[in-house]
Amino acid sequence: MISFHEVSKYYTKQCALSDISLSIRTGEMVFLTGHSGAGKTTLLKLIMLIEKCNHGQIFIDGKNTRGLSKKHVPLLRQSIGMVFQNPRLLKNRNIFDNVALPLVITGHHRHDIKKRVRAALDKVGLSNKEANHPMELSYGEQQRVGIARAVVNKPKILLADEPTGNLDPSISQDIMTLFSAFNAVGTTVMVASHDLALIASLNYRIITLKQGKLLQSLEQQGRKHETPCIS
């Protein structure tokens, strides 16, 4: 479903990712971890096609993103849902409208929008909140709205960047249970998190980055120094 082949990404003189090779199978759930600045967010941005790699190749659902034309990028993005640490909800819109936004943008019929939004809110346990506005909800509930918005388009891939970073442990566990539930019905899930205790309590593969390198690769090859990005 997702494959990185010797991928490097750098900004001016700063190396964000160097020589990354990894694969995530269709229907797999994995955790991406590492210190602040390790490259987790950059890796997610590459999958979302928000950023482009400088070297290497990335395949998403069998498509090589390097050779993707501009008109096909939005289509591929529709197959990917994204959850952020900050839910980024529109404060002047109610919960229904916030969740419906991706469907409105892609031109879905009104009847289909109502059906999908209500199904998404039901999955995150907020069926009774569709008329509320974001500021009337707790932060944990707002994060659930963000998740509903990410899955309303029925994406093949669900990405999350530190989704529990501002939540207490019990709510964090509930949020991870939601991701597991989506994974259980076939969605490929990748969650970036620095919460090692929470990750350790769940039985999923862990991908660890350190200073832009895949830590497992460093350990296997016994490297003592980081490989710089090549311009």
Protein backbone atom coordinates (compact mmCIF):
# COMPACT_ATOMS: atom_id res chain seq x y z
CA MET A 1 0.00 0.00 0.00
CA ILE A 2 2.84 2.42 0.93
CA SER A 3 6.45 1.90 -0.17
CA PHE A 4 9.49 4.15 0.25
CA HIS A 5 12.59 3.31 -1.79
CA GLU A 6 15.78 5.14 -0.70
CA VAL A 7 13.85 8.35 -0.08
CA SER A 8 15.60 11.56 1.01
CA LYS A 9 14.06 14.95 1.74
CA TYR A 10 15.91 18.11 2.67
CA TYR A 11 15.12 21.80 3.11
CA THR A 12 17.98 24.06 1.95
CA LYS A 13 20.86 22.65 4.04
CA GLN A 14 18.73 20.76 6.57
CA CYS A 15 18.28 17.02 6.04
CA ALA A 16 14.80 15.96 7.16
CA LEU A 17 14.89 12.35 5.88
CA SER A 18 17.81 10.38 4.50
CA ASP A 19 17.78 7.11 2.55
CA ILE A 20 14.45 5.83 3.91
CA SER A 21 13.23 2.45 2.65
CA LEU A 22 10.11 0.90 4.20
CA SER A 23 6.86 -0.80 3.27
CA ILE A 24 3.42 -0.80 4.85
CA ARG A 25 1.08 -3.53 3.73
CA THR A 26 -2.54 -3.00 2.72
CA GLY A 27 -4.70 -3.20 5.83
CA GLU A 28 -1.76 -2.87 8.24
CA MET A 29 -1.64 -0.51 11.24
CA VAL A 30 1.74 0.86 12.25
CA PHE A 31 3.14 3.44 14.65
CA LEU A 32 5.77 5.97 13.61
CA THR A 33 7.84 7.25 16.50
CA GLY A 34 11.03 9.16 17.24
CA HIS A 35 12.27 12.31 18.96
CA SER A 36 10.97 15.78 18.08
CA GLY A 37 12.50 16.68 14.71
CA ALA A 38 13.20 13.05 13.78
CA GLY A 39 11.27 13.40 10.52
CA LYS A 40 7.86 11.94 11.42
CA THR A 41 5.78 14.84 10.12
CA THR A 42 7.89 15.13 6.96
CA LEU A 43 7.32 11.46 6.21
CA LEU A 44 3.54 11.89 6.58
CA LYS A 45 3.63 14.99 4.34
CA LEU A 46 5.37 12.95 1.64
CA ILE A 47 2.62 10.34 1.77
CA MET A 48 -0.03 13.08 1.58
CA LEU A 49 1.82 14.67 -1.36
CA ILE A 50 2.06 17.93 0.56
CA GLU A 51 5.82 17.65 0.04
CA LYS A 52 7.92 15.97 -2.66
CA CYS A 53 11.05 13.94 -2.00
CA ASN A 54 14.40 15.07 -3.41
CA HIS A 55 15.66 11.55 -4.06
CA GLY A 56 14.13 8.08 -4.25
CA GLN A 57 10.66 6.86 -5.07
CA ILE A 58 7.39 6.64 -3.13
CA PHE A 59 4.55 4.34 -4.16
CA ILE A 60 1.04 4.88 -2.79
CA ASP A 61 -1.56 2.26 -3.66
CA GLY A 62 0.62 1.08 -6.52
CA LYS A 63 1.17 4.55 -7.99
CA ASN A 64 4.59 6.17 -8.25
CA THR A 65 4.08 9.65 -6.76
CA ARG A 66 7.18 11.04 -8.48
CA GLY A 67 5.63 10.65 -11.91
CA LEU A 68 2.12 11.72 -10.90
CA SER A 69 0.67 14.60 -12.90
CA LYS A 70 -0.82 17.60 -11.07
CA LYS A 71 -4.36 16.68 -12.07
CA HIS A 72 -4.03 13.22 -10.53
CA VAL A 73 -2.70 14.44 -7.16
CA PRO A 74 -6.14 15.48 -5.79
CA LEU A 75 -7.58 12.11 -6.80
CA LEU A 76 -4.89 10.23 -4.90
CA ARG A 77 -5.32 12.51 -1.88
CA GLN A 78 -9.00 11.54 -1.75
CA SER A 79 -7.90 8.03 -0.82
CA ILE A 80 -5.99 9.35 2.22
CA GLY A 81 -7.50 10.72 5.43
CA MET A 82 -5.41 12.93 7.74
CA VAL A 83 -5.79 13.60 11.47
CA PHE A 84 -3.75 16.37 13.09
CA GLN A 85 -2.70 17.06 16.69
CA ASN A 86 -4.86 20.19 16.49
CA PRO A 87 -8.28 19.22 15.04
CA ARG A 88 -8.33 22.42 12.94
CA LEU A 89 -12.11 22.74 13.04
CA LEU A 90 -13.97 25.72 11.58
CA LYS A 91 -15.33 27.52 14.65
CA ASN A 92 -18.12 29.28 12.73
CA ARG A 93 -19.50 25.99 11.36
CA ASN A 94 -21.36 23.28 13.24
CA ILE A 95 -20.02 19.77 13.63
CA PHE A 96 -22.04 18.42 10.70
CA ASP A 97 -20.62 21.05 8.34
CA ASN A 98 -17.06 20.49 9.61
CA VAL A 99 -17.25 16.76 8.88
CA ALA A 100 -19.02 17.34 5.55
CA LEU A 101 -16.35 19.72 4.22
CA PRO A 102 -14.26 17.11 2.29
CA LEU A 103 -17.42 15.79 0.61
CA VAL A 104 -18.62 19.28 -0.33
CA ILE A 105 -15.22 20.05 -1.87
CA THR A 106 -15.33 16.87 -3.98
CA GLY A 107 -18.89 17.58 -5.16
CA HIS A 108 -20.89 14.81 -3.50
CA HIS A 109 -24.68 14.90 -3.69
CA ARG A 110 -26.46 16.38 -0.64
CA HIS A 111 -28.23 13.13 0.19
CA ASP A 112 -24.94 11.20 0.08
CA ILE A 113 -23.28 13.85 2.26
CA LYS A 114 -25.94 13.52 4.97
CA LYS A 115 -25.65 9.74 4.96
CA ARG A 116 -21.85 9.69 5.12
CA VAL A 117 -21.49 12.44 7.74
CA ARG A 118 -23.98 10.81 10.09
CA ALA A 119 -22.31 7.43 9.65
CA ALA A 120 -18.88 8.95 10.41
CA LEU A 121 -20.17 10.75 13.52
CA ASP A 122 -21.80 7.54 14.70
CA LYS A 123 -18.48 5.68 14.38
CA VAL A 124 -16.75 8.20 16.65
CA GLY A 125 -19.62 8.32 19.13
CA LEU A 126 -20.84 11.84 18.37
CA SER A 127 -24.19 11.25 16.66
CA ASN A 128 -25.91 13.65 19.06
CA LYS A 129 -23.44 16.51 18.48
CA GLU A 130 -23.92 17.35 14.79
CA ALA A 131 -25.73 20.65 15.52
CA ASN A 132 -23.16 21.80 18.08
CA HIS A 133 -20.25 24.12 17.34
CA PRO A 134 -16.62 23.14 18.09
CA MET A 135 -16.27 25.40 21.14
CA GLU A 136 -19.19 23.58 22.78
CA LEU A 137 -17.24 20.32 22.74
CA SER A 138 -14.37 19.10 24.90
CA TYR A 139 -10.94 18.87 23.29
CA GLY A 140 -11.24 15.07 23.14
CA GLU A 141 -14.59 15.38 21.36
CA GLN A 142 -13.10 17.89 18.93
CA GLN A 143 -10.38 15.36 18.09
CA ARG A 144 -13.10 12.79 17.41
CA VAL A 145 -14.71 15.26 15.01
CA GLY A 146 -11.34 15.57 13.27
CA ILE A 147 -11.21 11.79 12.92
CA ALA A 148 -14.78 11.69 11.55
CA ARG A 149 -13.82 14.31 8.96
CA ALA A 150 -10.76 12.26 7.99
CA VAL A 151 -12.76 9.06 7.40
CA VAL A 152 -15.98 10.53 5.94
CA ASN A 153 -14.59 10.02 2.42
CA LYS A 154 -13.95 6.33 3.19
CA PRO A 155 -10.17 6.57 2.58
CA LYS A 156 -7.98 3.54 1.98
CA ILE A 157 -5.25 5.12 4.13
CA LEU A 158 -5.64 6.96 7.44
CA LEU A 159 -2.71 9.03 8.72
CA ALA A 160 -2.47 10.70 12.13
CA ASP A 161 0.18 13.14 13.32
CA GLU A 162 0.43 13.12 17.14
CA PRO A 163 -3.38 12.77 17.52
CA THR A 164 -3.18 12.28 21.30
CA GLY A 165 -0.51 14.90 22.01
CA ASN A 166 -2.90 17.20 23.90
CA LEU A 167 -5.09 14.54 25.53
CA ASP A 168 -5.00 12.82 28.90
CA PRO A 169 -4.11 9.08 29.04
CA SER A 170 -7.66 7.68 29.23
CA ILE A 171 -8.90 9.74 26.28
CA SER A 172 -5.72 8.93 24.36
CA GLN A 173 -6.48 5.23 24.78
CA ASP A 174 -10.01 5.79 23.46
CA ILE A 175 -8.65 7.60 20.40
CA MET A 176 -6.26 4.73 19.66
CA THR A 177 -9.15 2.30 20.02
CA LEU A 178 -10.93 4.24 17.27
CA PHE A 179 -7.92 3.89 14.96
CA SER A 180 -7.82 0.16 15.70
CA ALA A 181 -11.52 -0.10 14.82
CA PHE A 182 -10.98 1.55 11.43
CA ASN A 183 -8.00 -0.72 10.82
CA ALA A 184 -10.12 -3.75 11.68
CA VAL A 185 -12.38 -3.06 8.68
CA GLY A 186 -9.43 -2.86 6.27
CA THR A 187 -8.16 0.71 6.45
CA THR A 188 -4.37 1.06 6.35
CA VAL A 189 -3.45 3.18 9.40
CA MET A 190 -0.23 5.02 10.25
CA VAL A 191 -0.03 6.95 13.53
CA ALA A 192 2.91 9.21 14.39
CA SER A 193 3.31 9.46 18.16
CA HIS A 194 5.95 10.08 20.81
CA ASP A 195 3.81 8.43 23.52
CA LEU A 196 5.97 5.33 23.98
CA ALA A 197 3.95 4.00 26.92
CA LEU A 198 0.73 4.10 24.92
CA ILE A 199 2.38 2.53 21.85
CA ALA A 200 3.89 -0.25 23.96
CA SER A 201 0.41 -1.19 25.22
CA LEU A 202 -0.78 -1.90 21.67
CA ASN A 203 0.25 -4.83 19.50
CA TYR A 204 1.26 -3.13 16.25
CA ARG A 205 4.49 -2.69 14.31
CA ILE A 206 6.63 0.29 15.31
CA ILE A 207 8.75 2.28 12.85
CA THR A 208 11.33 4.46 14.60
CA LEU A 209 13.14 7.45 13.14
CA LYS A 210 16.25 9.12 14.53
CA GLN A 211 17.69 12.28 13.00
CA GLY A 212 15.97 11.55 9.70
CA LYS A 213 17.20 7.97 9.50
CA LEU A 214 15.30 4.72 9.93
CA LEU A 215 16.61 3.51 13.28
CA GLN A 216 16.14 -0.16 12.45
CA SER A 217 18.36 0.30 9.40
CA LEU A 218 21.06 1.94 11.50
CA GLU A 219 21.01 -0.93 13.98
CA GLN A 220 21.08 -3.64 11.32
CA GLN A 221 23.98 -2.08 9.44
CA GLY A 222 25.89 -0.97 12.53
CA ARG A 223 26.44 2.54 11.21
CA LYS A 224 28.16 5.00 13.52
CA HIS A 225 27.45 8.16 11.54
CA GLU A 226 24.40 9.57 9.79
CA THR A 227 24.47 9.57 6.00
CA PRO A 228 24.05 13.16 4.78
CA CYS A 229 21.53 14.12 2.13
CA ILE A 230 23.06 14.30 -1.32
CA SER A 231 22.23 17.36 -3.36
